[in-house]
């Protein structure tokens, strides 16, 4: 079972067409990623040693109305300095988008560095 975060769909997330604006899907991923890092990686995402280097989203269906989006989050195998996180967003039981981000570990000087062993272990043992 992967980590799942429930994210509220707010009225102001909608655009003039009556569905959630495409850019808001990235925010849903971000909210789920914050919870994933806090609960699975035992690291606050406010930690300045983590940056997103890549974001990709594929839209499958619009979200119309308010309610809750379930965002399934799973980290992929780390490389030297980065690792992917995969997302599946579902609304009312239907997959509405999938996505991926690539996180890069940074040192205190703001340069890419090796993914910490603590993160590697958390990824290996994720739900």
Protein backbone atom coordinates (compact mmCIF):
# COMPACT_ATOMS: atom_id res chain seq x y z
CA UNK A 1 0.00 0.00 0.00
CA UNK A 2 1.38 3.38 -0.97
CA UNK A 3 1.17 6.52 1.12
CA UNK A 4 -2.10 8.39 0.48
CA UNK A 5 -2.81 12.00 1.42
CA UNK A 6 -6.26 13.50 1.25
CA UNK A 7 -6.24 17.06 -0.07
CA UNK A 8 -9.21 19.41 0.05
CA UNK A 9 -10.58 20.73 -3.24
CA UNK A 10 -11.54 24.31 -2.50
CA UNK A 11 -14.07 26.42 -4.36
CA UNK A 12 -11.40 28.93 -5.41
CA UNK A 13 -9.36 26.14 -7.06
CA UNK A 14 -11.84 26.28 -9.94
CA UNK A 15 -11.45 28.35 -13.08
CA UNK A 16 -14.08 30.05 -15.21
CA UNK A 17 -14.88 26.71 -16.92
CA UNK A 18 -16.04 25.26 -13.58
CA UNK A 19 -13.24 22.73 -13.14
CA UNK A 20 -10.03 22.78 -11.13
CA UNK A 21 -7.36 24.80 -12.90
CA UNK A 22 -4.52 22.70 -14.26
CA UNK A 23 -1.87 24.48 -12.17
CA UNK A 24 -3.68 23.56 -8.96
CA UNK A 25 -2.96 19.85 -9.58
CA UNK A 26 0.72 20.64 -8.95
CA UNK A 27 -0.29 22.22 -5.65
CA UNK A 28 -2.18 19.05 -4.68
CA UNK A 29 0.99 17.05 -5.39
CA UNK A 30 3.00 19.53 -3.33
CA UNK A 31 0.63 19.23 -0.36
CA UNK A 32 0.85 15.43 -0.53
CA UNK A 33 4.65 15.57 -0.90
CA UNK A 34 4.92 17.71 2.26
CA UNK A 35 2.96 15.11 4.22
CA UNK A 36 4.99 12.27 2.66
CA UNK A 37 8.27 13.88 3.69
CA UNK A 38 6.98 14.57 7.20
CA UNK A 39 5.34 11.20 7.83
CA UNK A 40 7.42 8.74 5.78
CA UNK A 41 10.79 10.47 5.38
CA UNK A 42 10.72 12.05 8.89
CA UNK A 43 11.90 15.32 7.31
CA UNK A 44 10.03 18.62 7.16
CA UNK A 45 9.78 19.79 3.58
CA UNK A 46 10.71 23.23 4.84
CA UNK A 47 14.21 21.74 5.08
CA UNK A 48 16.23 23.86 2.64
CA UNK A 49 18.16 20.76 1.55
CA UNK A 50 15.44 19.55 -0.82
CA UNK A 51 14.49 21.07 -4.16
CA UNK A 52 12.20 19.98 -6.96
CA UNK A 53 14.17 19.86 -10.21
CA UNK A 54 11.46 18.45 -12.47
CA UNK A 55 7.65 18.32 -12.52
CA UNK A 56 5.50 16.42 -14.97
CA UNK A 57 1.71 16.00 -14.92
CA UNK A 58 -0.63 14.05 -17.19
CA UNK A 59 -4.29 15.03 -16.95
CA UNK A 60 -6.96 12.38 -17.46
CA UNK A 61 -10.20 13.98 -16.29
CA UNK A 62 -11.40 17.30 -14.90
CA UNK A 63 -12.23 17.80 -11.26
CA UNK A 64 -15.61 19.48 -11.03
CA UNK A 65 -17.03 20.47 -7.67
CA UNK A 66 -15.49 20.52 -4.23
CA UNK A 67 -14.55 17.62 -2.00
CA UNK A 68 -11.38 15.64 -1.55
CA UNK A 69 -8.62 14.51 -3.88
CA UNK A 70 -6.73 11.41 -2.82
CA UNK A 71 -3.08 11.69 -3.79
CA UNK A 72 -1.15 8.44 -3.77
CA UNK A 73 2.56 9.08 -3.33
CA UNK A 74 5.44 6.67 -3.89
CA UNK A 75 9.14 7.47 -4.03
CA UNK A 76 11.27 5.69 -6.60
CA UNK A 77 14.78 4.38 -6.16
CA UNK A 78 17.30 7.11 -5.37
CA UNK A 79 20.18 7.80 -7.68
CA UNK A 80 23.28 9.58 -6.48
CA UNK A 81 21.84 13.02 -5.79
CA UNK A 82 18.17 12.74 -6.71
CA UNK A 83 15.11 10.52 -6.63
CA UNK A 84 11.67 10.54 -8.26
CA UNK A 85 8.31 10.72 -6.56
CA UNK A 86 5.28 9.38 -8.42
CA UNK A 87 1.71 10.63 -7.90
CA UNK A 88 -1.74 9.29 -8.71
CA UNK A 89 -4.55 11.77 -8.09
CA UNK A 90 -8.08 10.42 -7.70
CA UNK A 91 -11.36 12.24 -7.27
CA UNK A 92 -14.59 10.43 -6.45
CA UNK A 93 -12.92 7.09 -7.21
CA UNK A 94 -11.62 8.12 -10.66
CA UNK A 95 -7.98 8.72 -11.54
CA UNK A 96 -7.86 12.34 -12.71
CA UNK A 97 -4.09 12.79 -13.13
CA UNK A 98 -0.72 11.15 -12.72
CA UNK A 99 2.57 12.87 -12.20
CA UNK A 100 6.20 12.78 -11.24
CA UNK A 101 8.63 15.11 -9.54
CA UNK A 102 12.37 14.71 -9.17
CA UNK A 103 13.82 15.84 -5.85
CA UNK A 104 17.46 16.83 -5.52
CA UNK A 105 19.31 16.77 -2.20
CA UNK A 106 21.26 19.96 -1.53
CA UNK A 107 24.15 20.69 0.82
CA UNK A 108 24.43 23.73 3.10
CA UNK A 109 26.01 25.71 0.27
CA UNK A 110 23.08 25.09 -2.10
CA UNK A 111 24.88 22.53 -4.28
CA UNK A 112 23.53 19.08 -5.17
CA UNK A 113 24.79 16.39 -2.82
CA UNK A 114 24.31 12.67 -2.20
CA UNK A 115 20.82 11.61 -1.11
CA UNK A 116 21.13 11.12 2.67
CA UNK A 117 21.16 7.55 4.00
CA UNK A 118 18.15 8.39 6.22
CA UNK A 119 16.10 9.17 3.09
CA UNK A 120 17.37 6.08 1.29
CA UNK A 121 16.28 3.91 4.20
CA UNK A 122 12.87 5.60 4.42
CA UNK A 123 12.32 5.09 0.69
CA UNK A 124 13.30 1.43 0.97
CA UNK A 125 10.81 0.97 3.83
CA UNK A 126 7.94 3.18 2.58
CA UNK A 127 4.40 1.84 2.93
